Structures are given as C-alpha cells and as structure tokens.
Amino acid sequence: EASFFTSESDEMIWWAFRDGDKEALATLYYRNIKVLIDCGSKISHDKDLVKDCIHDLFIEIWNNKENLSVPRCVRAYLLICVQRKIIRYKNRKRMAQVEVYKLPDTQLVDSKEDELIMEQHSKDQQDTLRLAMASLTRRQREAIQLKFYANLSYTEIVAIMNISADAIYNLISKAIDILQREVPGQGNIHRRD
C-alpha cells in the first residue's frame, strides 16, 4: 500500500485517483483486494476468474476515471462492481453451454451426461432459490444481495441504499421470512451481525 495515503479514507484517495494519481489507484487496490477476492469467491469458486474480474474492474475505472463520481462508500461500490462482473461472466458461460448442449446426442460423451446428471440437484436448488428471490420486492432483493452476497455491513448497506438502518433491518427481516417460506428446510438465516 502506498505510504502517502495510509491515513486517508478511501473516498479521499478516490479523488486523487480521479485526478490521475496511479499511486492512489494502487492504494485502493491493495486496501480492498482481500475483501474483493473473499466476496467474489462466494459467487464463483474459480479464483482465477475472480482475480481476472477484479483486475478488469481496476483497468476500467482507471480508463474511465474522469467520468466517475465519488461513491458514498468506495468499498461497497467496488464490491458491487466485481459481483456484477462475475455474474455477467457466469451468465455468458452458461449461455455458451446451452448452445453446446443443443448438439446432437451423438456428439455428447458419456462423461458430460454423467456430469449433467450430477449437477441437476444443485441446479434444482438454485432454481428454487432464484424463484424465491423473484418473489421479493426489488428493494428486498437489493438488501439481501448486499448483505449476504456482497457481505456488506449494515452501515455500508445504509450508505448504498440511502435509507435508515431500521428500514434496512425490516427489509432484510421480511425478505428472510419470505425466503424461508419459499425454500423450506434450508435452516435459519441470521438477521443481524
């Protein structure tokens, strides 16, 4: 981490980075890399993919620095951007696999069929959760994604969603109640840190 910025907040460093300071960009990277990898690894177990998405994000923000505003919470902004990049990549990969599976059966090898059968149970669970998430309001989905997928604190979620902490607690609590009704047998989800 760059010594010049050790006592500065991420938001102050963001200003320097926007003005073209590469040391500021490096500081943002080193301050946030561990949490970005941890968060990304919850979405994809492919560590190389996670690191590539983080690397791509920092290249993009450097290339577009003049057009970026200062986020209320830089870490939350970076987490959401990385999360979206990984999800977009996984969706593109999934669509490419769908095209492969449309090949005539003679071109599929037994090991691929076995792999599909083994993955079916996991996909069924993901579909059930996806349907349950679709039953939430947009704000409930956003709060759940920030809390449990991006692993943000309530303070960070308040800054991003721009509503009170009590409103965040209520959104998440109601969303959890709905999800537990829609996806039975998944155990209890903790509502507060």
Protein backbone atom coordinates (compact mmCIF):
# COMPACT_ATOMS: atom_id res chain seq x y z
CA GLU A 1 0.00 0.00 0.00
CA ALA A 2 1.28 3.47 -0.83
CA SER A 3 2.62 5.22 2.25
CA PHE A 4 1.40 8.68 1.19
CA PHE A 5 -2.23 7.55 1.53
CA THR A 6 -2.05 5.39 4.66
CA SER A 7 -4.16 7.72 6.80
CA GLU A 8 -6.58 8.85 4.10
CA SER A 9 -10.10 7.47 3.66
CA ASP A 10 -10.92 5.50 0.50
CA GLU A 11 -13.16 8.37 -0.58
CA MET A 12 -10.31 10.90 -0.32
CA ILE A 13 -8.00 8.54 -2.20
CA TRP A 14 -10.70 8.19 -4.87
CA TRP A 15 -10.42 11.94 -5.54
CA ALA A 16 -6.66 11.62 -6.09
CA PHE A 17 -7.16 8.60 -8.34
CA ARG A 18 -9.71 10.54 -10.41
CA ASP A 19 -7.07 13.24 -10.88
CA GLY A 20 -4.75 10.63 -12.44
CA ASP A 21 -2.67 9.55 -9.43
CA LYS A 22 -1.61 5.92 -10.08
CA GLU A 23 -0.38 5.58 -6.50
CA ALA A 24 -3.91 6.34 -5.31
CA LEU A 25 -5.30 3.63 -7.59
CA ALA A 26 -2.72 1.16 -6.26
CA THR A 27 -3.70 2.06 -2.69
CA LEU A 28 -7.39 1.43 -3.42
CA TYR A 29 -6.44 -1.89 -4.97
CA TYR A 30 -4.28 -3.11 -2.08
CA ARG A 31 -6.72 -1.90 0.59
CA ASN A 32 -9.64 -3.74 -0.98
CA ILE A 33 -8.18 -6.77 -2.78
CA LYS A 34 -8.70 -9.26 0.06
CA VAL A 35 -12.36 -8.40 0.63
CA LEU A 36 -12.98 -8.33 -3.14
CA ILE A 37 -11.50 -11.82 -3.52
CA ASP A 38 -13.44 -13.10 -0.49
CA CYS A 39 -16.71 -11.68 -1.81
CA GLY A 40 -16.07 -12.85 -5.37
CA SER A 41 -15.24 -16.35 -4.14
CA LYS A 42 -18.74 -16.62 -2.67
CA ILE A 43 -20.16 -16.15 -6.16
CA SER A 44 -17.60 -18.25 -8.07
CA HIS A 45 -15.18 -20.87 -6.78
CA ASP A 46 -12.89 -20.11 -9.74
CA LYS A 47 -10.21 -17.95 -8.06
CA ASP A 48 -8.62 -17.06 -11.40
CA LEU A 49 -11.95 -15.79 -12.71
CA VAL A 50 -12.46 -13.70 -9.56
CA LYS A 51 -8.97 -12.18 -9.84
CA ASP A 52 -9.46 -11.50 -13.57
CA CYS A 53 -12.75 -9.70 -12.87
CA ILE A 54 -11.09 -7.57 -10.16
CA HIS A 55 -8.17 -6.78 -12.48
CA ASP A 56 -10.59 -5.84 -15.29
CA LEU A 57 -12.56 -3.61 -12.92
CA PHE A 58 -9.48 -1.62 -11.91
CA ILE A 59 -8.44 -1.21 -15.53
CA GLU A 60 -11.95 0.01 -16.40
CA ILE A 61 -12.15 2.50 -13.55
CA TRP A 62 -8.69 3.84 -14.45
CA ASN A 63 -9.68 4.24 -18.10
CA ASN A 64 -12.94 5.98 -17.14
CA LYS A 65 -11.70 7.91 -14.10
CA GLU A 66 -12.71 11.34 -15.43
CA ASN A 67 -16.34 10.21 -15.80
CA LEU A 68 -16.70 8.61 -12.36
CA SER A 69 -18.32 10.32 -9.42
CA VAL A 70 -17.14 9.66 -5.87
CA PRO A 71 -19.20 6.81 -4.38
CA ARG A 72 -20.65 7.20 -0.89
CA CYS A 73 -18.76 4.07 0.08
CA VAL A 74 -15.87 3.11 -2.21
CA ARG A 75 -15.56 -0.44 -0.87
CA ALA A 76 -19.27 -1.12 -1.38
CA TYR A 77 -19.05 0.30 -4.91
CA LEU A 78 -16.09 -1.94 -5.76
CA LEU A 79 -17.79 -5.00 -4.26
CA ILE A 80 -20.94 -4.45 -6.28
CA CYS A 81 -18.96 -3.89 -9.50
CA VAL A 82 -16.95 -7.09 -9.00
CA GLN A 83 -20.08 -9.04 -8.12
CA ARG A 84 -21.80 -7.87 -11.32
CA LYS A 85 -18.74 -8.71 -13.46
CA ILE A 86 -18.58 -12.26 -12.11
CA ILE A 87 -22.32 -12.80 -12.54
CA ARG A 88 -22.21 -11.45 -16.11
CA TYR A 89 -19.30 -13.76 -16.92
CA LYS A 90 -21.09 -16.78 -15.42
CA ASN A 91 -24.27 -15.94 -17.36
CA ARG A 92 -22.31 -15.69 -20.63
CA LYS A 93 -20.62 -19.01 -19.89
CA ARG A 94 -23.98 -20.61 -19.06
CA MET A 95 -25.45 -19.38 -22.36
CA ALA A 96 -22.45 -20.81 -24.24
CA GLN A 97 -23.02 -24.17 -22.52
CA VAL A 98 -26.68 -24.12 -23.57
CA GLU A 99 -25.52 -23.82 -27.18
CA VAL A 100 -23.16 -26.79 -26.70
CA TYR A 101 -25.95 -28.93 -25.22
CA LYS A 102 -28.08 -28.34 -28.34
CA LEU A 103 -25.66 -30.53 -30.33
CA PRO A 104 -26.99 -33.92 -31.47
CA ASP A 105 -26.76 -36.62 -28.77
CA THR A 106 -24.07 -38.47 -30.73
CA GLN A 107 -21.67 -35.61 -30.07
CA LEU A 108 -22.10 -35.76 -26.30
CA VAL A 109 -19.77 -38.08 -24.46
CA ASP A 110 -20.93 -40.17 -21.52
CA SER A 111 -18.82 -38.22 -19.03
CA LYS A 112 -20.64 -34.99 -19.97
CA GLU A 113 -24.00 -36.71 -19.49
CA ASP A 114 -22.90 -38.03 -16.11
CA GLU A 115 -21.72 -34.55 -15.14
CA LEU A 116 -25.10 -33.06 -16.12
CA ILE A 117 -26.95 -35.61 -14.02
CA MET A 118 -24.72 -34.94 -11.02
CA GLU A 119 -25.23 -31.18 -11.35
CA GLN A 120 -29.03 -31.43 -11.67
CA HIS A 121 -29.70 -31.46 -7.94
CA SER A 122 -27.60 -28.33 -7.43
CA LYS A 123 -29.33 -26.60 -10.34
CA ASP A 124 -32.74 -27.50 -8.93
CA GLN A 125 -31.78 -25.89 -5.63
CA GLN A 126 -30.51 -22.79 -7.43
CA ASP A 127 -33.74 -22.58 -9.45
CA THR A 128 -35.80 -22.82 -6.27
CA LEU A 129 -33.77 -20.04 -4.65
CA ARG A 130 -33.95 -17.93 -7.83
CA LEU A 131 -37.76 -18.25 -7.88
CA ALA A 132 -37.91 -17.39 -4.18
CA MET A 133 -35.73 -14.30 -4.78
CA ALA A 134 -38.06 -13.27 -7.62
CA SER A 135 -40.94 -13.18 -5.12
CA LEU A 136 -39.17 -10.40 -3.16
CA THR A 137 -39.57 -6.72 -3.90
CA ARG A 138 -36.72 -5.01 -5.76
CA ARG A 139 -35.56 -3.29 -2.55
CA GLN A 140 -35.68 -6.55 -0.57
CA ARG A 141 -33.60 -8.31 -3.26
CA GLU A 142 -31.10 -5.47 -3.26
CA ALA A 143 -30.75 -5.57 0.54
CA ILE A 144 -30.37 -9.37 0.57
CA GLN A 145 -27.75 -9.29 -2.19
CA LEU A 146 -25.74 -6.57 -0.45
CA LYS A 147 -25.90 -8.30 2.94
CA PHE A 148 -25.42 -11.97 2.04
CA TYR A 149 -23.77 -12.00 -1.39
CA ALA A 150 -21.58 -8.88 -1.13
CA ASN A 151 -21.20 -9.47 2.64
CA LEU A 152 -21.52 -5.78 3.45
CA SER A 153 -22.15 -4.38 6.91
CA TYR A 154 -25.46 -2.71 7.71
CA THR A 155 -23.66 0.64 7.77
CA GLU A 156 -22.40 0.10 4.22
CA ILE A 157 -25.86 -1.00 3.06
CA VAL A 158 -27.41 2.14 4.59
CA ALA A 159 -24.90 4.25 2.63
CA ILE A 160 -25.65 2.47 -0.64
CA MET A 161 -29.44 2.27 -0.38
CA ASN A 162 -29.79 5.68 1.25
CA ILE A 163 -32.42 4.61 3.79
CA SER A 164 -32.34 4.27 7.57
CA ALA A 165 -30.79 1.33 9.40
CA ASP A 166 -34.22 0.38 10.78
CA ALA A 167 -35.62 0.25 7.25
CA ILE A 168 -32.72 -2.00 6.19
CA TYR A 169 -33.33 -4.34 9.15
CA ASN A 170 -37.04 -4.50 8.26
CA LEU A 171 -36.36 -5.15 4.56
CA ILE A 172 -33.93 -7.96 5.32
CA SER A 173 -36.09 -9.48 8.06
CA LYS A 174 -39.20 -9.59 5.85
CA ALA A 175 -37.16 -10.91 2.92
CA ILE A 176 -35.73 -13.71 5.08
CA ASP A 177 -39.23 -14.66 6.26
CA ILE A 178 -40.38 -14.91 2.63
CA LEU A 179 -37.33 -16.90 1.57
CA GLN A 180 -37.72 -19.34 4.46
CA ARG A 181 -41.36 -19.93 3.45
CA GLU A 182 -40.44 -20.37 -0.23
CA VAL A 183 -37.33 -22.52 0.36
CA PRO A 184 -38.23 -24.82 3.26
CA GLY A 185 -35.65 -26.91 5.05
CA GLN A 186 -32.73 -24.52 4.48
CA GLY A 187 -32.14 -23.74 8.15
CA ASN A 188 -32.25 -20.43 9.93
CA ILE A 189 -30.67 -17.33 8.45
CA HIS A 190 -29.26 -14.82 10.90
CA ARG A 191 -30.81 -11.39 10.55
CA ARG A 192 -28.18 -9.28 12.34
CA ASP A 193 -24.38 -9.29 12.59
